[in-house]
Structures are given as C-alpha cells and as structure tokens.
Amino acid sequence: MARRGGEGEEDEHHQNPFLLISSGGKASSSKLQFRNDVSIARWDEKLGMGEVVEKKGSMWTTTGIIRNGKLYCHIEEIMFLAERGALHLVGSDDKILSIGDLYKKIAEEKDGCSWGTFEAYRRLKLLGYIIGRHGIPWTMKENKSFLCNSHQTISSKDGSLDLDMEYRISILLKGMQIDGIKPTFDVYLPNSKFKKSSPGNPVFLLCVLKVSPPLRQEVENVERSCGGIPIKFCIVDHGQVSFFSFDKVTLPVLP
C-alpha cells in the first residue's frame, strides 16, 4: 500500500521531516538569492562535474565529493547552490555560466541528472536533508557496504582514484536498472555532525521514476538488492513532485 504524508500528523512531522514533503513547481528567477560569500567551481566537461576552486560557506560539509584532496560537485548540487547565489560555475574560458546555461545542461541529461531528478533533489534539500548520489561515495574512506550493486573502486597505477573512470562507471550503472528502477539518491537526516568520511547508512534511498508507480515485483527486487535500507519513490509531473513508499499489506482470511 502506498503511503504519503498528510495533515493531522504533527507529532510525527516533528520526528520525520519527510512527511512534510508536498508538490511544487520550478524556481523562477525572482526567487534567486544573492550573497557576498560566493564559492566558485570550474566545469570539467570530461567528468561532467564541477571542481570547486574557491570554497566559501559551511554548505560544503554536506555537498560535493572529495577525491585526491579535491572537491567536486554534481550538476544538481551546482544548480541548487547557483539558484541561491552561493556558487558561480565558470567554464574553460573562466566566464561565469548563467542560470539559463545551467538549466540547459540539466535538460541535456548528459551528466547523470534530468530535470525531474533535480526537482526531487531540490525539494529534499529545501527540507534540510543531506543528499548524495547513490553509488558515489562521499570520500574513498567511506564504508560502501550498503550500496546497491556496488562496483569495484577503480584506481590508477600509482594507487590513487581514477575519478574519470569512477564517474563513467556510475553513469553506466544508472543505465543498468533493476527491472526498470534503481536508487538515484542516498538520503540522510539533517545532522550538524555529519562527516563525509563516516556518513553512516542513509535513512532511505530514493528512486526517481520516469513513469507510473512501479510494479510489486519491481519494488521487491530493488528492496532485496539494497540490504534492508528503506526505499522511497518519487514522480515529477509538470513540476509537481510526489514522494511515496510501500507497506506490505496482508488481507484478512475470510471464514
């Protein structure tokens, strides 16, 4: 049975902010924020990620991945921070990309993120959740035991991580879905003591769906593959973001 948050659950809302999730639309330019402490990232076309070259603010504690001492961020992280005036993304020519340029990058769906995926990411971030891409460790010190269909770490000859190879494998795995669905994000509760090197297990995994709700067999298959971590699902339809989960229901035996 599908479950969604509703009214009249104030006590549970206080304990579980997921229940506060509702639908919403795209951000308009009038909602963009401007600030003085702006970080700067340089877009790496080969990786499809931004390398943070000037880091400001505390948001990087829960944003971006660390590889070989460098901080990288995915396009959905870049877009979220850019909308809030907290990050400028520059190209190879050191010119700042506009918000419109970033929207186009997401629309191209080349870098592991679609518009629907970004909408889901943005909604959870606005609620305070800590979110990372599933299958991409925050750091190479992270325990990856909970990852669904986890892949081997690819290292270069000197033993350091080959980020390019890791990223390409992650994109490949996102295309190798389990009966049509696969976790998109690892989601953690708000935590002021969060550490990328030891994040612990996520509170749930989120599957962003492109079509209608999954079949029962699809849900059971993805649950079995994820080692007991709760699974939630998301559908984005014309800017409306809906989150839901499933419970097992046993019908009463008739006399």
Protein backbone atom coordinates (compact mmCIF):
# COMPACT_ATOMS: atom_id res chain seq x y z
CA MET A 1 0.00 0.00 0.00
CA ALA A 2 1.34 3.43 -0.86
CA ARG A 3 1.91 5.87 1.97
CA ARG A 4 2.21 9.63 1.79
CA GLY A 5 2.46 12.36 4.38
CA GLY A 6 -0.75 14.15 5.25
CA GLU A 7 -2.37 16.51 7.69
CA GLY A 8 -3.09 15.68 11.32
CA GLU A 9 0.33 14.09 11.95
CA GLU A 10 2.04 16.91 13.81
CA ASP A 11 3.97 14.74 16.26
CA GLU A 12 5.32 12.51 13.52
CA HIS A 13 6.15 15.54 11.39
CA HIS A 14 8.39 16.77 14.16
CA GLN A 15 10.28 13.48 14.20
CA ASN A 16 10.32 12.80 10.46
CA PRO A 17 10.52 15.83 8.15
CA PHE A 18 9.97 13.56 5.13
CA LEU A 19 6.27 13.69 5.94
CA LEU A 20 6.26 17.40 5.22
CA ILE A 21 7.08 16.86 1.54
CA SER A 22 4.47 18.15 -0.87
CA SER A 23 4.29 19.11 -4.53
CA GLY A 24 5.78 22.22 -6.03
CA GLY A 25 6.96 23.88 -9.20
CA LYS A 26 10.19 25.11 -10.76
CA ALA A 27 12.07 28.01 -9.25
CA SER A 28 11.63 31.31 -11.02
CA SER A 29 14.37 33.89 -11.49
CA SER A 30 12.59 36.15 -8.98
CA LYS A 31 13.41 33.66 -6.23
CA LEU A 32 17.16 33.64 -6.88
CA GLN A 33 19.25 34.84 -3.96
CA PHE A 34 22.41 36.96 -3.97
CA ARG A 35 25.18 36.96 -1.37
CA ASN A 36 28.77 38.00 -0.81
CA ASP A 37 30.30 34.67 0.24
CA VAL A 38 30.11 33.00 -3.18
CA SER A 39 32.06 29.85 -3.98
CA ILE A 40 33.46 29.20 -7.44
CA ALA A 41 33.61 25.91 -9.33
CA ARG A 42 35.15 25.22 -12.74
CA TRP A 43 33.21 22.91 -15.05
CA ASP A 44 35.08 19.83 -16.26
CA GLU A 45 33.41 18.73 -19.49
CA LYS A 46 35.19 15.37 -19.47
CA LEU A 47 33.95 14.48 -15.98
CA GLY A 48 30.61 16.21 -16.28
CA MET A 49 31.26 17.75 -12.85
CA GLY A 50 32.49 20.98 -11.33
CA GLU A 51 35.78 21.24 -9.43
CA VAL A 52 35.44 23.68 -6.55
CA VAL A 53 38.34 26.11 -6.82
CA GLU A 54 37.15 28.65 -4.26
CA LYS A 55 35.21 27.27 -1.30
CA LYS A 56 33.19 29.55 0.96
CA GLY A 57 30.45 28.80 3.48
CA SER A 58 29.59 25.75 5.56
CA MET A 59 27.42 24.01 2.92
CA TRP A 60 30.40 22.04 1.62
CA THR A 61 30.29 19.89 4.74
CA THR A 62 27.34 18.08 3.15
CA THR A 63 27.82 18.92 -0.53
CA GLY A 64 30.24 17.50 -3.09
CA ILE A 65 32.60 14.53 -3.13
CA ILE A 66 36.29 14.50 -2.23
CA ARG A 67 38.84 12.79 -4.47
CA ASN A 68 42.62 13.08 -4.15
CA GLY A 69 42.29 16.16 -1.97
CA LYS A 70 39.99 17.98 -4.42
CA LEU A 71 36.31 18.82 -4.05
CA TYR A 72 33.93 18.07 -6.93
CA CYS A 73 30.19 18.70 -7.23
CA HIS A 74 27.50 17.23 -9.46
CA ILE A 75 25.28 19.33 -11.71
CA GLU A 76 22.26 19.11 -9.36
CA GLU A 77 24.41 20.42 -6.48
CA ILE A 78 25.74 23.21 -8.69
CA MET A 79 22.24 24.20 -9.83
CA PHE A 80 20.84 24.20 -6.30
CA LEU A 81 23.62 26.43 -4.96
CA ALA A 82 23.62 28.69 -8.03
CA GLU A 83 19.89 29.34 -7.64
CA ARG A 84 20.65 30.58 -4.15
CA GLY A 85 23.54 32.78 -5.20
CA ALA A 86 26.02 30.65 -3.25
CA LEU A 87 28.03 29.35 -6.21
CA HIS A 88 29.29 30.56 -9.56
CA LEU A 89 30.17 27.97 -12.18
CA VAL A 90 32.79 29.02 -14.71
CA GLY A 91 33.69 27.38 -18.00
CA SER A 92 37.12 26.71 -19.51
CA ASP A 93 37.25 30.38 -20.53
CA ASP A 94 36.70 31.46 -16.90
CA LYS A 95 33.39 33.11 -17.80
CA ILE A 96 30.51 32.60 -15.36
CA LEU A 97 27.73 30.41 -16.73
CA SER A 98 24.26 31.89 -16.36
CA ILE A 99 21.36 30.17 -14.64
CA GLY A 100 19.92 29.59 -18.11
CA ASP A 101 23.14 27.83 -19.15
CA LEU A 102 22.85 25.53 -16.13
CA TYR A 103 19.21 24.75 -16.91
CA LYS A 104 20.30 23.74 -20.41
CA LYS A 105 22.93 21.38 -19.01
CA ILE A 106 20.33 19.63 -16.89
CA ALA A 107 17.90 19.49 -19.82
CA GLU A 108 20.54 17.71 -21.90
CA GLU A 109 20.59 14.86 -19.32
CA LYS A 110 24.22 14.07 -20.16
CA ASP A 111 25.67 14.30 -16.66
CA GLY A 112 23.57 11.80 -14.73
CA CYS A 113 20.77 14.25 -13.92
CA SER A 114 17.43 15.01 -15.55
CA TRP A 115 15.08 17.88 -14.73
CA GLY A 116 12.87 15.54 -12.71
CA THR A 117 15.88 14.28 -10.77
CA PHE A 118 16.89 17.85 -9.96
CA GLU A 119 13.37 18.74 -8.82
CA ALA A 120 13.43 15.80 -6.39
CA TYR A 121 16.89 16.79 -5.16
CA ARG A 122 15.90 20.42 -4.66
CA ARG A 123 12.72 19.55 -2.73
CA LEU A 124 14.59 17.33 -0.26
CA LYS A 125 17.43 19.84 0.15
CA LEU A 126 14.93 22.59 0.95
CA LEU A 127 13.60 20.35 3.74
CA GLY A 128 17.09 20.07 5.19
CA TYR A 129 18.02 16.54 4.13
CA ILE A 130 21.60 15.60 3.27
CA ILE A 131 21.71 14.01 -0.18
CA GLY A 132 24.33 12.23 -2.24
CA ARG A 133 24.18 10.32 -5.49
CA HIS A 134 23.69 6.63 -4.94
CA GLY A 135 26.77 4.61 -5.81
CA ILE A 136 29.15 7.57 -5.45
CA PRO A 137 30.96 7.57 -2.06
CA TRP A 138 31.47 10.96 -0.41
CA THR A 139 35.15 10.10 0.06
CA MET A 140 37.21 7.00 -0.58
CA LYS A 141 37.27 6.38 3.19
CA GLU A 142 33.51 5.85 3.21
CA ASN A 143 32.09 2.43 4.04
CA LYS A 144 30.26 1.36 0.89
CA SER A 145 28.66 -1.78 2.32
CA PHE A 146 25.09 -0.52 1.83
CA LEU A 147 25.45 0.39 -1.86
CA CYS A 148 23.10 -1.46 -4.21
CA ASN A 149 25.00 -3.42 -6.82
CA SER A 150 28.21 -1.74 -5.62
CA HIS A 151 31.07 -1.61 -8.09
CA GLN A 152 34.78 -2.02 -7.56
CA THR A 153 36.86 1.06 -6.95
CA ILE A 154 38.98 1.87 -9.99
CA SER A 155 42.49 3.06 -9.19
CA SER A 156 45.33 4.36 -11.33
CA LYS A 157 48.76 2.75 -11.43
CA ASP A 158 50.00 4.84 -8.50
CA GLY A 159 47.07 3.71 -6.34
CA SER A 160 45.11 6.97 -6.50
CA LEU A 161 41.49 7.03 -7.59
CA ASP A 162 40.77 7.40 -11.29
CA LEU A 163 37.80 9.78 -10.92
CA ASP A 164 37.10 9.80 -14.63
CA MET A 165 36.72 6.01 -14.70
CA GLU A 166 34.65 6.01 -11.49
CA TYR A 167 32.27 8.61 -12.88
CA ARG A 168 31.84 6.78 -16.19
CA ILE A 169 31.07 3.54 -14.34
CA SER A 170 28.50 5.32 -12.15
CA ILE A 171 26.70 6.67 -15.23
CA LEU A 172 26.80 3.20 -16.80
CA LEU A 173 25.29 1.65 -13.67
CA LYS A 174 22.47 4.21 -13.67
CA GLY A 175 21.52 2.88 -17.08
CA MET A 176 21.61 -0.74 -15.89
CA GLN A 177 18.38 -0.54 -13.94
CA ILE A 178 16.85 -3.34 -11.91
CA ASP A 179 13.61 -4.20 -13.69
CA GLY A 180 13.29 -0.57 -14.72
CA ILE A 181 14.08 1.12 -11.37
CA LYS A 182 17.25 1.84 -9.40
CA PRO A 183 18.08 4.12 -6.45
CA THR A 184 19.06 7.64 -7.51
CA PHE A 185 20.00 9.28 -4.21
CA ASP A 186 21.14 8.29 -0.72
CA VAL A 187 19.23 10.48 1.74
CA TYR A 188 20.33 11.29 5.29
CA LEU A 189 18.50 13.12 8.07
CA PRO A 190 19.68 16.64 8.92
CA ASN A 191 22.80 16.27 11.06
CA SER A 192 25.11 19.07 12.19
CA LYS A 193 27.80 16.46 12.94
CA PHE A 194 27.68 14.81 9.51
CA LYS A 195 31.07 13.67 8.22
CA LYS A 196 31.71 12.64 4.64
CA SER A 197 34.39 10.19 5.79
CA SER A 198 31.91 8.35 8.02
CA PRO A 199 28.35 9.24 6.99
CA GLY A 200 26.75 6.03 8.22
CA ASN A 201 23.82 4.45 6.43
CA PRO A 202 21.22 6.71 4.79
CA VAL A 203 17.77 6.93 6.33
CA PHE A 204 16.33 5.92 2.96
CA LEU A 205 17.21 5.52 -0.71
CA LEU A 206 15.21 7.48 -3.26
CA CYS A 207 14.23 6.10 -6.67
CA VAL A 208 13.22 8.86 -9.07
CA LEU A 209 10.81 7.31 -11.57
CA LYS A 210 10.24 8.45 -15.12
CA VAL A 211 6.81 6.94 -15.50
CA SER A 212 3.99 5.49 -13.39
CA PRO A 213 4.45 3.77 -9.99
CA PRO A 214 6.43 0.52 -10.17
CA LEU A 215 5.00 -2.97 -10.16
CA ARG A 216 5.06 -5.02 -6.96
CA GLN A 217 7.79 -7.30 -8.32
CA GLU A 218 9.95 -4.31 -9.23
CA VAL A 219 9.62 -2.91 -5.70
CA GLU A 220 10.50 -6.26 -4.12
CA ASN A 221 13.51 -6.70 -6.40
CA VAL A 222 15.02 -3.33 -5.62
CA GLU A 223 14.34 -3.78 -1.88
CA ARG A 224 16.20 -7.11 -1.89
CA SER A 225 19.17 -5.55 -3.65
CA CYS A 226 19.61 -2.76 -1.10
CA GLY A 227 20.33 -4.63 2.11
CA GLY A 228 17.34 -3.54 4.16
CA ILE A 229 17.72 0.23 3.65
CA PRO A 230 14.19 1.71 3.27
CA ILE A 231 13.22 2.66 -0.29
CA LYS A 232 11.08 5.64 -1.25
CA PHE A 233 9.93 6.63 -4.70
CA CYS A 234 9.42 9.95 -6.46
CA ILE A 235 7.48 11.01 -9.55
CA VAL A 236 7.78 14.50 -11.03
CA ASP A 237 4.95 15.51 -13.33
CA HIS A 238 4.82 19.02 -14.81
CA GLY A 239 6.63 20.49 -11.82
CA GLN A 240 4.59 18.56 -9.25
CA VAL A 241 6.85 16.45 -7.02
CA SER A 242 5.26 13.43 -5.33
CA PHE A 243 7.01 11.09 -2.90
CA PHE A 244 5.62 7.76 -1.76
CA SER A 245 6.58 4.42 -0.23
CA PHE A 246 5.00 0.99 0.11
CA ASP A 247 3.98 -1.18 3.05
CA LYS A 248 3.22 -4.86 2.93
CA VAL A 249 -0.47 -5.49 3.48
CA THR A 250 -1.94 -8.85 4.47
CA LEU A 251 -5.59 -9.35 3.61
CA PRO A 252 -7.74 -10.94 6.32
CA VAL A 253 -8.66 -14.58 5.80
CA LEU A 254 -12.36 -14.91 5.15
CA PRO A 255 -14.24 -17.56 7.17
